[in-house]
């Protein structure tokens, strides 16, 4: 029977040739049905794009079994590549295209670069949100209440931060109204004593006075 023939072997009788022609016709018909079904899924919108890819894949499988290959298979590959591109599956889209299509390769490379940039931005935003939540939780755990920012003309926009060991670091402004002066400590860990920083400030004043 033709159905059991080895791939690449030639039919020996007219009956076997007729069997192969009938099988090819059935496969072509099935491929056309899958292709049309895929087209309908595309028209229904993005939600159905994966179904369209599945239909085009089934159609390609039918076409791939034909000998010689049917030229309509290239259309199916192009359709599947188009839908994969819409889904963001850029590498799969490239795999379905003509390897000699340099313009498409360049386009997909640009799309992938833009996607990586967007992913990096999303990751940075997610990291910033997570850090802000951890900071808020640490401040709340310590029973601290923050008021409205003041003296920003002296400090700039500096905010407390939480390090990897769970230690809060504060921006601290020291005011000396008697002499109309101030000192700003950008990073004051909560584990430090004021005396340590005041010693540094006093030494600075002493050096300045002696100079």
N, C-alpha and C. Protein backbone atom coordinates (compact mmCIF):
# COMPACT_ATOMS: atom_id res chain seq x y z
N UNK A 1 0.84 -1.20 0.00
CA UNK A 1 0.00 0.00 0.00
C UNK A 1 0.87 1.25 0.00
N UNK A 2 0.36 2.30 -0.67
CA UNK A 2 1.12 3.54 -0.74
C UNK A 2 1.30 4.18 0.61
N UNK A 3 0.33 3.95 1.53
CA UNK A 3 0.41 4.56 2.85
C UNK A 3 1.61 4.06 3.63
N UNK A 4 2.11 2.87 3.28
CA UNK A 4 3.20 2.27 4.03
C UNK A 4 4.54 2.39 3.32
N UNK A 5 4.60 3.15 2.23
CA UNK A 5 5.84 3.28 1.48
C UNK A 5 6.86 4.09 2.24
N UNK A 6 8.13 3.76 2.05
CA UNK A 6 9.20 4.50 2.69
C UNK A 6 9.32 5.88 2.06
N UNK A 7 9.67 6.91 2.85
CA UNK A 7 9.85 8.25 2.31
C UNK A 7 10.90 8.25 1.21
N UNK A 8 10.59 8.90 0.09
CA UNK A 8 11.54 9.01 -1.00
C UNK A 8 11.44 7.89 -2.01
N UNK A 9 10.70 6.82 -1.68
CA UNK A 9 10.57 5.72 -2.63
C UNK A 9 9.53 6.07 -3.69
N UNK A 10 9.67 5.51 -4.87
CA UNK A 10 8.77 5.79 -5.97
C UNK A 10 7.65 4.75 -6.01
N UNK A 11 6.40 5.18 -6.29
CA UNK A 11 5.32 4.20 -6.43
C UNK A 11 5.59 3.29 -7.63
N UNK A 12 5.23 2.05 -7.47
CA UNK A 12 5.55 1.07 -8.51
C UNK A 12 4.40 0.87 -9.48
N UNK A 13 3.21 1.17 -9.09
CA UNK A 13 2.06 0.91 -9.95
C UNK A 13 1.21 2.16 -10.08
N UNK A 14 0.32 2.13 -11.07
CA UNK A 14 -0.61 3.24 -11.26
C UNK A 14 -1.53 3.38 -10.06
N UNK A 15 -1.86 2.26 -9.45
CA UNK A 15 -2.73 2.30 -8.28
C UNK A 15 -2.07 3.01 -7.12
N UNK A 16 -0.77 2.75 -6.92
CA UNK A 16 -0.04 3.42 -5.85
C UNK A 16 0.07 4.91 -6.12
N UNK A 17 0.29 5.27 -7.39
CA UNK A 17 0.34 6.69 -7.75
C UNK A 17 -0.99 7.37 -7.45
N UNK A 18 -2.06 6.68 -7.76
CA UNK A 18 -3.39 7.24 -7.51
C UNK A 18 -3.61 7.41 -6.01
N UNK A 19 -3.13 6.42 -5.23
CA UNK A 19 -3.26 6.53 -3.77
C UNK A 19 -2.50 7.74 -3.24
N UNK A 20 -1.28 7.94 -3.74
CA UNK A 20 -0.48 9.07 -3.29
C UNK A 20 -1.12 10.40 -3.68
N UNK A 21 -1.66 10.46 -4.88
CA UNK A 21 -2.33 11.69 -5.31
C UNK A 21 -3.53 11.99 -4.43
N UNK A 22 -4.26 10.94 -4.06
CA UNK A 22 -5.44 11.12 -3.20
C UNK A 22 -5.02 11.61 -1.82
N UNK A 23 -3.94 11.02 -1.29
CA UNK A 23 -3.44 11.44 0.02
C UNK A 23 -2.98 12.89 -0.03
N UNK A 24 -2.27 13.26 -1.11
CA UNK A 24 -1.80 14.63 -1.26
C UNK A 24 -2.96 15.61 -1.31
N UNK A 25 -4.02 15.22 -2.02
CA UNK A 25 -5.19 16.09 -2.12
C UNK A 25 -5.84 16.28 -0.75
N UNK A 26 -5.90 15.20 0.02
CA UNK A 26 -6.49 15.29 1.37
C UNK A 26 -5.66 16.22 2.25
N UNK A 27 -4.34 16.07 2.16
CA UNK A 27 -3.46 16.90 2.99
C UNK A 27 -3.54 18.37 2.57
N UNK A 28 -3.61 18.62 1.27
CA UNK A 28 -3.73 20.01 0.80
C UNK A 28 -5.04 20.62 1.27
N UNK A 29 -6.11 19.82 1.22
CA UNK A 29 -7.41 20.31 1.68
C UNK A 29 -7.37 20.61 3.18
N UNK A 30 -6.75 19.72 3.95
CA UNK A 30 -6.64 19.94 5.40
C UNK A 30 -5.81 21.18 5.69
N UNK A 31 -4.72 21.36 4.92
CA UNK A 31 -3.86 22.53 5.12
C UNK A 31 -4.63 23.82 4.84
N UNK A 32 -5.43 23.81 3.76
CA UNK A 32 -6.22 25.01 3.44
C UNK A 32 -7.23 25.32 4.54
N UNK A 33 -7.84 24.28 5.10
CA UNK A 33 -8.81 24.48 6.18
C UNK A 33 -8.13 25.06 7.43
N UNK A 34 -6.97 24.50 7.77
CA UNK A 34 -6.23 25.04 8.93
C UNK A 34 -5.81 26.49 8.68
N UNK A 35 -5.38 26.76 7.45
CA UNK A 35 -4.95 28.12 7.12
C UNK A 35 -6.11 29.10 7.26
N UNK A 36 -7.27 28.73 6.72
CA UNK A 36 -8.43 29.61 6.80
C UNK A 36 -8.87 29.79 8.26
N UNK A 37 -8.80 28.71 9.03
CA UNK A 37 -9.16 28.81 10.45
C UNK A 37 -8.19 29.75 11.17
N UNK A 38 -6.91 29.64 10.82
CA UNK A 38 -5.92 30.55 11.41
C UNK A 38 -6.21 32.00 11.05
N UNK A 39 -6.57 32.23 9.79
CA UNK A 39 -6.89 33.60 9.36
C UNK A 39 -8.07 34.16 10.15
N UNK A 40 -9.05 33.32 10.42
CA UNK A 40 -10.22 33.76 11.18
C UNK A 40 -9.84 34.11 12.62
N UNK A 41 -8.93 33.32 13.20
CA UNK A 41 -8.48 33.62 14.56
C UNK A 41 -7.75 34.97 14.60
N UNK A 42 -6.96 35.25 13.56
CA UNK A 42 -6.26 36.54 13.51
C UNK A 42 -7.25 37.69 13.48
N UNK A 43 -8.32 37.53 12.72
CA UNK A 43 -9.33 38.59 12.61
C UNK A 43 -10.06 38.83 13.93
N UNK A 44 -10.10 37.80 14.79
CA UNK A 44 -10.80 37.94 16.06
C UNK A 44 -10.02 38.75 17.09
N UNK A 45 -8.73 38.98 16.83
CA UNK A 45 -7.96 39.81 17.74
C UNK A 45 -6.86 39.08 18.48
N UNK A 46 -6.09 39.85 19.24
CA UNK A 46 -4.88 39.35 19.90
C UNK A 46 -5.14 38.16 20.81
N UNK A 47 -6.28 38.13 21.46
CA UNK A 47 -6.59 37.04 22.37
C UNK A 47 -6.52 35.68 21.66
N UNK A 48 -6.78 35.68 20.36
CA UNK A 48 -6.84 34.43 19.60
C UNK A 48 -5.57 34.19 18.77
N UNK A 49 -4.57 35.05 18.90
CA UNK A 49 -3.34 34.87 18.11
C UNK A 49 -2.66 33.52 18.37
N UNK A 50 -2.57 33.06 19.63
CA UNK A 50 -1.95 31.74 19.84
C UNK A 50 -2.69 30.62 19.10
N UNK A 51 -4.03 30.74 19.01
CA UNK A 51 -4.80 29.74 18.27
C UNK A 51 -4.45 29.80 16.79
N UNK A 52 -4.24 31.02 16.29
CA UNK A 52 -3.87 31.18 14.88
C UNK A 52 -2.52 30.52 14.60
N UNK A 53 -1.56 30.74 15.50
CA UNK A 53 -0.24 30.11 15.34
C UNK A 53 -0.38 28.60 15.32
N UNK A 54 -1.22 28.07 16.19
CA UNK A 54 -1.43 26.62 16.24
C UNK A 54 -2.01 26.10 14.93
N UNK A 55 -2.97 26.84 14.36
CA UNK A 55 -3.58 26.42 13.09
C UNK A 55 -2.56 26.46 11.96
N UNK A 56 -1.77 27.53 11.90
CA UNK A 56 -0.77 27.62 10.84
C UNK A 56 0.27 26.51 10.98
N UNK A 57 0.60 26.16 12.21
CA UNK A 57 1.56 25.08 12.44
C UNK A 57 1.01 23.75 11.94
N UNK A 58 -0.27 23.50 12.20
CA UNK A 58 -0.91 22.27 11.71
C UNK A 58 -0.95 22.26 10.18
N UNK A 59 -1.23 23.42 9.59
CA UNK A 59 -1.26 23.50 8.13
C UNK A 59 0.12 23.23 7.54
N UNK A 60 1.15 23.79 8.18
CA UNK A 60 2.52 23.56 7.71
C UNK A 60 2.88 22.09 7.80
N UNK A 61 2.43 21.43 8.87
CA UNK A 61 2.70 20.00 9.02
C UNK A 61 2.08 19.21 7.88
N UNK A 62 0.89 19.60 7.45
CA UNK A 62 0.25 18.92 6.32
C UNK A 62 1.03 19.18 5.04
N UNK A 63 1.44 20.41 4.83
CA UNK A 63 2.19 20.75 3.62
C UNK A 63 3.55 20.07 3.60
N UNK A 64 4.16 19.94 4.77
CA UNK A 64 5.49 19.35 4.84
C UNK A 64 5.52 17.90 4.43
N UNK A 65 4.37 17.25 4.49
CA UNK A 65 4.31 15.83 4.13
C UNK A 65 4.16 15.61 2.63
N UNK A 66 4.02 16.71 1.87
CA UNK A 66 3.81 16.59 0.44
C UNK A 66 5.14 16.49 -0.30
N UNK A 67 5.14 15.77 -1.39
CA UNK A 67 6.33 15.64 -2.22
C UNK A 67 5.90 15.74 -3.69
N UNK A 68 6.37 16.75 -4.43
CA UNK A 68 7.28 17.81 -4.00
C UNK A 68 6.58 18.81 -3.08
N UNK A 69 7.34 19.64 -2.33
CA UNK A 69 6.73 20.60 -1.42
C UNK A 69 5.81 21.57 -2.15
N UNK A 70 4.72 21.93 -1.50
CA UNK A 70 3.76 22.86 -2.08
C UNK A 70 4.24 24.29 -1.87
N UNK A 71 4.23 25.13 -2.92
CA UNK A 71 4.70 26.52 -2.76
C UNK A 71 3.85 27.33 -1.79
N UNK A 72 2.61 26.88 -1.54
CA UNK A 72 1.76 27.60 -0.58
C UNK A 72 2.32 27.53 0.84
N UNK A 73 3.23 26.60 1.08
CA UNK A 73 3.81 26.47 2.42
C UNK A 73 4.53 27.74 2.83
N UNK A 74 5.15 28.44 1.86
CA UNK A 74 5.86 29.68 2.19
C UNK A 74 4.90 30.74 2.72
N UNK A 75 3.66 30.73 2.21
CA UNK A 75 2.65 31.67 2.70
C UNK A 75 2.30 31.35 4.15
N UNK A 76 2.20 30.06 4.45
CA UNK A 76 1.88 29.65 5.81
C UNK A 76 2.98 30.06 6.79
N UNK A 77 4.23 29.87 6.36
CA UNK A 77 5.35 30.29 7.21
C UNK A 77 5.31 31.80 7.44
N UNK A 78 5.00 32.55 6.37
CA UNK A 78 4.92 34.01 6.50
C UNK A 78 3.80 34.42 7.43
N UNK A 79 2.65 33.73 7.33
CA UNK A 79 1.52 34.04 8.21
C UNK A 79 1.89 33.78 9.68
N UNK A 80 2.51 32.62 9.91
CA UNK A 80 2.88 32.29 11.29
C UNK A 80 3.92 33.27 11.82
N UNK A 81 4.86 33.65 10.96
CA UNK A 81 5.88 34.63 11.38
C UNK A 81 5.23 35.96 11.74
N UNK A 82 4.25 36.37 10.95
CA UNK A 82 3.57 37.65 11.20
C UNK A 82 2.87 37.63 12.56
N UNK A 83 2.16 36.54 12.86
CA UNK A 83 1.44 36.47 14.13
C UNK A 83 2.41 36.37 15.30
N UNK A 84 3.49 35.62 15.12
CA UNK A 84 4.50 35.54 16.18
C UNK A 84 5.12 36.91 16.45
N UNK A 85 5.28 37.69 15.38
CA UNK A 85 5.82 39.04 15.55
C UNK A 85 4.85 39.90 16.35
N UNK A 86 3.56 39.77 16.07
CA UNK A 86 2.54 40.51 16.82
C UNK A 86 2.51 40.09 18.29
N UNK A 87 2.83 38.83 18.54
CA UNK A 87 2.84 38.32 19.92
C UNK A 87 4.13 38.66 20.65
N UNK A 88 5.10 39.18 19.92
CA UNK A 88 6.39 39.49 20.54
C UNK A 88 7.36 38.33 20.51
N UNK A 89 6.99 37.25 19.81
CA UNK A 89 7.89 36.09 19.69
C UNK A 89 8.84 36.33 18.51
N UNK A 90 9.76 37.27 18.69
CA UNK A 90 10.58 37.73 17.57
C UNK A 90 11.49 36.65 17.02
N UNK A 91 12.08 35.86 17.91
CA UNK A 91 12.98 34.81 17.43
C UNK A 91 12.23 33.77 16.62
N UNK A 92 11.03 33.40 17.05
CA UNK A 92 10.24 32.44 16.29
C UNK A 92 9.84 33.02 14.94
N UNK A 93 9.54 34.31 14.93
CA UNK A 93 9.19 34.95 13.66
C UNK A 93 10.37 34.91 12.70
N UNK A 94 11.55 35.16 13.22
CA UNK A 94 12.75 35.14 12.38
C UNK A 94 13.01 33.73 11.85
N UNK A 95 12.77 32.72 12.67
CA UNK A 95 13.00 31.34 12.24
C UNK A 95 12.09 30.95 11.08
N UNK A 96 10.92 31.58 10.99
CA UNK A 96 9.97 31.24 9.93
C UNK A 96 10.20 32.01 8.64
N UNK A 97 11.12 32.96 8.66
CA UNK A 97 11.33 33.79 7.48
C UNK A 97 12.49 33.29 6.64
N UNK A 98 12.56 33.83 5.44
CA UNK A 98 13.64 33.50 4.51
C UNK A 98 14.97 33.95 5.12
N UNK A 99 15.93 33.05 5.29
CA UNK A 99 17.22 33.42 5.89
C UNK A 99 17.93 34.54 5.14
N UNK A 100 17.60 34.72 3.86
CA UNK A 100 18.27 35.75 3.07
C UNK A 100 17.64 37.13 3.25
N UNK A 101 16.56 37.20 4.01
CA UNK A 101 15.86 38.48 4.19
C UNK A 101 16.60 39.31 5.25
N UNK A 102 17.60 40.05 4.80
CA UNK A 102 18.42 40.84 5.72
C UNK A 102 17.65 41.99 6.34
N UNK A 103 16.72 42.57 5.58
CA UNK A 103 15.94 43.69 6.11
C UNK A 103 15.11 43.25 7.31
N UNK A 104 14.51 42.06 7.20
CA UNK A 104 13.72 41.55 8.32
C UNK A 104 14.60 41.28 9.52
N UNK A 105 15.79 40.73 9.27
CA UNK A 105 16.72 40.47 10.37
C UNK A 105 17.06 41.76 11.11
N UNK A 106 17.33 42.83 10.36
CA UNK A 106 17.65 44.11 10.98
C UNK A 106 16.47 44.63 11.78
N UNK A 107 15.28 44.51 11.19
CA UNK A 107 14.08 44.99 11.88
C UNK A 107 13.86 44.24 13.19
N UNK A 108 13.98 42.91 13.12
CA UNK A 108 13.77 42.11 14.33
C UNK A 108 14.84 42.40 15.38
N UNK A 109 16.06 42.66 14.93
CA UNK A 109 17.12 43.01 15.87
C UNK A 109 16.79 44.31 16.59
N UNK A 110 16.24 45.28 15.85
CA UNK A 110 15.84 46.55 16.47
C UNK A 110 14.70 46.34 17.46
N UNK A 111 13.74 45.50 17.06
CA UNK A 111 12.60 45.22 17.94
C UNK A 111 13.07 44.55 19.22
N UNK A 112 13.98 43.59 19.09
CA UNK A 112 14.49 42.89 20.27
C UNK A 112 15.27 43.84 21.17
N UNK A 113 16.03 44.76 20.58
CA UNK A 113 16.78 45.73 21.38
C UNK A 113 15.82 46.64 22.15
N UNK A 114 14.75 47.07 21.48
CA UNK A 114 13.75 47.90 22.15
C UNK A 114 13.06 47.14 23.27
N UNK A 115 12.80 45.85 23.02
CA UNK A 115 12.14 45.03 24.04
C UNK A 115 13.04 44.87 25.26
N UNK A 116 14.35 44.65 25.01
CA UNK A 116 15.29 44.53 26.14
C UNK A 116 15.35 45.83 26.94
N UNK A 117 15.30 46.96 26.23
CA UNK A 117 15.33 48.25 26.92
C UNK A 117 14.08 48.44 27.77
N UNK A 118 12.92 48.06 27.21
CA UNK A 118 11.67 48.16 27.98
C UNK A 118 11.70 47.24 29.19
N UNK A 119 12.22 46.03 29.00
CA UNK A 119 12.30 45.09 30.13
C UNK A 119 13.22 45.63 31.22
N UNK A 120 14.32 46.27 30.80
CA UNK A 120 15.25 46.84 31.78
C UNK A 120 14.59 47.96 32.57
N UNK A 121 13.83 48.81 31.87
CA UNK A 121 13.13 49.90 32.55
C UNK A 121 12.10 49.36 33.52
N UNK A 122 11.36 48.33 33.09
CA UNK A 122 10.37 47.73 33.99
C UNK A 122 11.04 47.15 35.23
N UNK A 123 12.19 46.51 35.02
CA UNK A 123 12.90 45.91 36.15
C UNK A 123 13.37 47.00 37.13
N UNK A 124 13.84 48.13 36.59
CA UNK A 124 14.29 49.22 37.45
C UNK A 124 13.13 49.82 38.23
N UNK A 125 11.98 49.98 37.55
CA UNK A 125 10.80 50.52 38.23
C UNK A 125 10.34 49.56 39.33
N UNK A 126 10.31 48.26 39.01
CA UNK A 126 9.90 47.27 40.01
C UNK A 126 10.86 47.27 41.19
N UNK A 127 12.15 47.42 40.92
CA UNK A 127 13.14 47.45 42.00
C UNK A 127 12.96 48.69 42.87
N UNK A 128 12.67 49.83 42.24
CA UNK A 128 12.46 51.07 42.99
C UNK A 128 11.21 50.98 43.86
N UNK A 129 10.16 50.39 43.32
CA UNK A 129 8.91 50.23 44.09
C UNK A 129 9.14 49.31 45.28
N UNK A 130 9.87 48.22 45.04
CA UNK A 130 10.15 47.28 46.13
C UNK A 130 10.98 47.94 47.22
N UNK A 131 11.99 48.74 46.82
CA UNK A 131 12.84 49.43 47.80
C UNK A 131 12.02 50.44 48.60
N UNK A 132 11.11 51.14 47.92
CA UNK A 132 10.27 52.13 48.62
C UNK A 132 9.35 51.45 49.64
N UNK A 133 8.81 50.30 49.26
CA UNK A 133 7.94 49.57 50.19
C UNK A 133 8.73 49.08 51.40
N UNK A 134 9.94 48.58 51.16
CA UNK A 134 10.78 48.11 52.27
C UNK A 134 11.14 49.26 53.20
N UNK A 135 11.43 50.42 52.62
CA UNK A 135 11.78 51.60 53.42
C UNK A 135 10.59 52.04 54.27
N UNK A 136 9.41 52.09 53.66
CA UNK A 136 8.21 52.49 54.39
C UNK A 136 7.91 51.52 55.53
N UNK A 137 8.10 50.23 55.27
CA UNK A 137 7.85 49.22 56.31
C UNK A 137 8.85 49.37 57.46
N UNK A 138 10.12 49.67 57.13
CA UNK A 138 11.14 49.83 58.17
C UNK A 138 10.84 51.05 59.04
N UNK A 139 10.42 52.14 58.42
CA UNK A 139 10.09 53.35 59.18
C UNK A 139 8.88 53.12 60.08
N UNK A 140 7.88 52.43 59.52
CA UNK A 140 6.68 52.14 60.31
C UNK A 140 7.00 51.21 61.48
N UNK A 141 7.86 50.24 61.24
CA UNK A 141 8.24 49.29 62.28
C UNK A 141 8.90 49.99 63.46
N UNK A 142 9.62 51.08 63.18
CA UNK A 142 10.32 51.81 64.24
C UNK A 142 9.42 52.85 64.91
N UNK A 143 8.18 52.92 64.45
CA UNK A 143 7.23 53.86 65.05
C UNK A 143 7.54 55.31 64.75
N UNK A 144 8.18 55.56 63.61
CA UNK A 144 8.56 56.92 63.25
C UNK A 144 7.51 57.54 62.34
N UNK A 145 7.36 58.84 62.47
CA UNK A 145 6.44 59.59 61.61
C UNK A 145 7.22 60.70 60.93
N UNK A 146 7.07 60.78 59.63
CA UNK A 146 7.81 61.78 58.86
C UNK A 146 6.93 62.99 58.60
N UNK A 147 7.53 64.17 58.77
CA UNK A 147 6.81 65.40 58.49
C UNK A 147 7.18 65.94 57.12
N UNK A 148 6.75 67.13 56.85
CA UNK A 148 7.02 67.77 55.58
C UNK A 148 8.50 68.14 55.50
N UNK A 149 9.08 67.93 54.33
CA UNK A 149 10.51 68.23 54.14
C UNK A 149 10.76 69.72 54.35
N UNK A 150 11.89 70.03 55.01
CA UNK A 150 12.26 71.42 55.28
C UNK A 150 13.74 71.63 54.95
N UNK A 151 14.11 72.88 54.78
CA UNK A 151 15.51 73.26 54.54
C UNK A 151 16.09 72.59 53.28
N UNK A 152 15.25 72.34 52.30
CA UNK A 152 15.76 71.70 51.10
C UNK A 152 16.73 72.60 50.33
N UNK A 153 16.67 73.90 50.62
CA UNK A 153 17.63 74.79 49.98
C UNK A 153 19.05 74.53 50.49
N UNK A 154 19.14 73.88 51.67
CA UNK A 154 20.45 73.55 52.23
C UNK A 154 20.85 72.10 51.96
N UNK A 155 19.85 71.25 51.83
CA UNK A 155 20.14 69.81 51.73
C UNK A 155 19.92 69.23 50.33
N UNK A 156 19.13 69.93 49.52
CA UNK A 156 18.73 69.32 48.26
C UNK A 156 17.69 68.25 48.53
N UNK A 157 17.39 67.45 47.53
CA UNK A 157 16.39 66.39 47.70
C UNK A 157 17.10 65.11 48.13
N UNK A 158 17.22 64.94 49.42
CA UNK A 158 17.84 63.74 49.97
C UNK A 158 16.80 62.96 50.76
N UNK A 159 16.83 61.66 50.61
CA UNK A 159 15.84 60.82 51.28
C UNK A 159 16.53 59.74 52.10
N UNK A 160 15.84 59.24 53.13
CA UNK A 160 16.40 58.12 53.89
C UNK A 160 16.45 56.87 53.01
N UNK A 161 17.32 55.96 53.35
CA UNK A 161 17.41 54.71 52.59
C UNK A 161 17.68 53.55 53.54
N UNK A 162 17.33 52.38 53.08
CA UNK A 162 17.50 51.16 53.87
C UNK A 162 18.55 50.31 53.19
N UNK A 163 19.61 49.94 53.94
CA UNK A 163 20.67 49.15 53.32
C UNK A 163 20.33 47.66 53.37
N UNK A 164 21.22 46.84 52.84
CA UNK A 164 20.98 45.40 52.74
C UNK A 164 20.92 44.73 54.10
N UNK A 165 21.51 45.36 55.12
CA UNK A 165 21.48 44.80 56.47
C UNK A 165 20.26 45.27 57.26
N UNK A 166 19.39 46.05 56.62
CA UNK A 166 18.19 46.53 57.30
C UNK A 166 18.43 47.74 58.17
N UNK A 167 19.55 48.45 57.94
CA UNK A 167 19.88 49.65 58.71
C UNK A 167 19.40 50.88 57.95
N UNK A 168 18.71 51.77 58.65
CA UNK A 168 18.25 53.01 58.03
C UNK A 168 19.38 54.04 58.01
N UNK A 169 19.48 54.75 56.90
CA UNK A 169 20.46 55.83 56.76
C UNK A 169 19.69 57.12 56.51
N UNK A 170 19.99 58.13 57.33
CA UNK A 170 19.23 59.38 57.27
C UNK A 170 20.10 60.54 56.80
N UNK A 171 19.51 61.46 56.07
CA UNK A 171 20.19 62.74 55.84
C UNK A 171 19.93 63.64 57.06
N UNK A 172 20.98 64.17 57.63
CA UNK A 172 20.84 64.95 58.88
C UNK A 172 21.44 66.34 58.68
N UNK A 173 20.66 67.34 59.05
CA UNK A 173 21.11 68.73 58.96
C UNK A 173 21.31 69.28 60.37
N UNK A 174 22.51 69.76 60.64
CA UNK A 174 22.83 70.38 61.92
C UNK A 174 22.83 71.90 61.74
N UNK A 175 22.01 72.60 62.53
CA UNK A 175 21.89 74.05 62.42
C UNK A 175 22.55 74.73 63.62
N UNK A 176 23.28 75.81 63.35
CA UNK A 176 23.91 76.61 64.40
C UNK A 176 23.42 78.05 64.24
N UNK A 177 22.23 78.33 64.78
CA UNK A 177 21.65 79.67 64.57
C UNK A 177 22.49 80.79 65.17
N UNK A 178 23.27 80.47 66.23
CA UNK A 178 24.07 81.53 66.85
C UNK A 178 25.09 82.11 65.88
N UNK A 179 25.61 81.25 65.03
CA UNK A 179 26.63 81.72 64.08
C UNK A 179 26.13 81.68 62.64
N UNK A 180 24.83 81.44 62.48
CA UNK A 180 24.21 81.41 61.16
C UNK A 180 24.94 80.43 60.23
N UNK A 181 25.12 79.22 60.74
CA UNK A 181 25.85 78.22 59.96
C UNK A 181 25.13 76.87 60.08
N UNK A 182 25.60 75.92 59.31
CA UNK A 182 24.99 74.58 59.33
C UNK A 182 25.97 73.55 58.80
N UNK A 183 25.70 72.31 59.12
CA UNK A 183 26.44 71.17 58.57
C UNK A 183 25.42 70.14 58.10
N UNK A 184 25.72 69.55 56.96
CA UNK A 184 24.81 68.56 56.41
C UNK A 184 25.52 67.22 56.30
N UNK A 185 24.96 66.21 56.97
CA UNK A 185 25.49 64.85 56.90
C UNK A 185 24.56 64.05 55.98
N UNK A 186 25.03 63.71 54.81
CA UNK A 186 24.18 63.05 53.82
C UNK A 186 23.81 61.62 54.23
N UNK A 187 24.73 60.95 54.90
CA UNK A 187 24.51 59.53 55.23
C UNK A 187 24.80 59.32 56.71
N UNK A 188 23.73 59.29 57.51
CA UNK A 188 23.85 59.11 58.96
C UNK A 188 23.16 57.80 59.33
N UNK A 189 23.92 56.69 59.45
CA UNK A 189 23.30 55.41 59.82
C UNK A 189 22.67 55.49 61.21
N UNK A 190 21.55 54.83 61.38
CA UNK A 190 20.87 54.86 62.67
C UNK A 190 21.68 54.16 63.76
N UNK A 191 22.67 53.40 63.35
CA UNK A 191 23.51 52.70 64.32
C UNK A 191 24.64 53.60 64.85
N UNK A 192 24.83 54.77 64.23
CA UNK A 192 25.88 55.68 64.67
C UNK A 192 25.41 56.53 65.86
N UNK A 193 26.37 57.01 66.63
CA UNK A 193 26.07 57.94 67.71
C UNK A 193 26.29 59.37 67.22
N UNK A 194 25.49 60.30 67.73
CA UNK A 194 25.66 61.69 67.34
C UNK A 194 27.05 62.19 67.71
N UNK A 195 27.57 61.69 68.81
CA UNK A 195 28.87 62.16 69.28
C UNK A 195 29.97 61.91 68.24
N UNK A 196 29.86 60.80 67.51
CA UNK A 196 30.88 60.49 66.50
C UNK A 196 30.90 61.56 65.42
N UNK A 197 29.73 61.96 64.97
CA UNK A 197 29.66 62.96 63.92
C UNK A 197 29.97 64.35 64.45
N UNK A 198 29.55 64.62 65.69
CA UNK A 198 29.84 65.93 66.28
C UNK A 198 31.34 66.12 66.47
N UNK A 199 32.03 65.04 66.82
CA UNK A 199 33.49 65.12 66.96
C UNK A 199 34.13 65.55 65.64
N UNK A 200 33.64 64.98 64.55
CA UNK A 200 34.17 65.35 63.23
C UNK A 200 33.89 66.82 62.92
N UNK A 201 32.66 67.24 63.26
CA UNK A 201 32.28 68.63 63.00
C UNK A 201 33.14 69.59 63.83
N UNK A 202 33.33 69.26 65.12
CA UNK A 202 34.12 70.13 65.99
C UNK A 202 35.58 70.19 65.55
N UNK A 203 36.11 69.07 65.09
CA UNK A 203 37.48 69.08 64.60
C UNK A 203 37.60 69.96 63.36
N UNK A 204 36.56 69.93 62.55
CA UNK A 204 36.57 70.77 61.35
C UNK A 204 36.56 72.24 61.75
N UNK A 205 35.72 72.58 62.75
CA UNK A 205 35.66 73.96 63.21
C UNK A 205 37.00 74.40 63.80
N UNK A 206 37.62 73.48 64.57
CA UNK A 206 38.89 73.81 65.20
C UNK A 206 39.96 74.08 64.16
N UNK A 207 39.99 73.24 63.14
CA UNK A 207 40.97 73.42 62.06
C UNK A 207 40.74 74.73 61.34
N UNK A 208 39.45 75.04 61.11
CA UNK A 208 39.11 76.28 60.41
C UNK A 208 39.51 77.50 61.25
N UNK A 209 39.24 77.42 62.58
CA UNK A 209 39.56 78.54 63.46
C UNK A 209 41.06 78.76 63.55
N UNK A 210 41.81 77.66 63.60
CA UNK A 210 43.26 77.77 63.71
C UNK A 210 43.87 78.30 62.41
N UNK A 211 43.22 77.94 61.30
CA UNK A 211 43.74 78.41 60.02
C UNK A 211 43.52 79.89 59.86
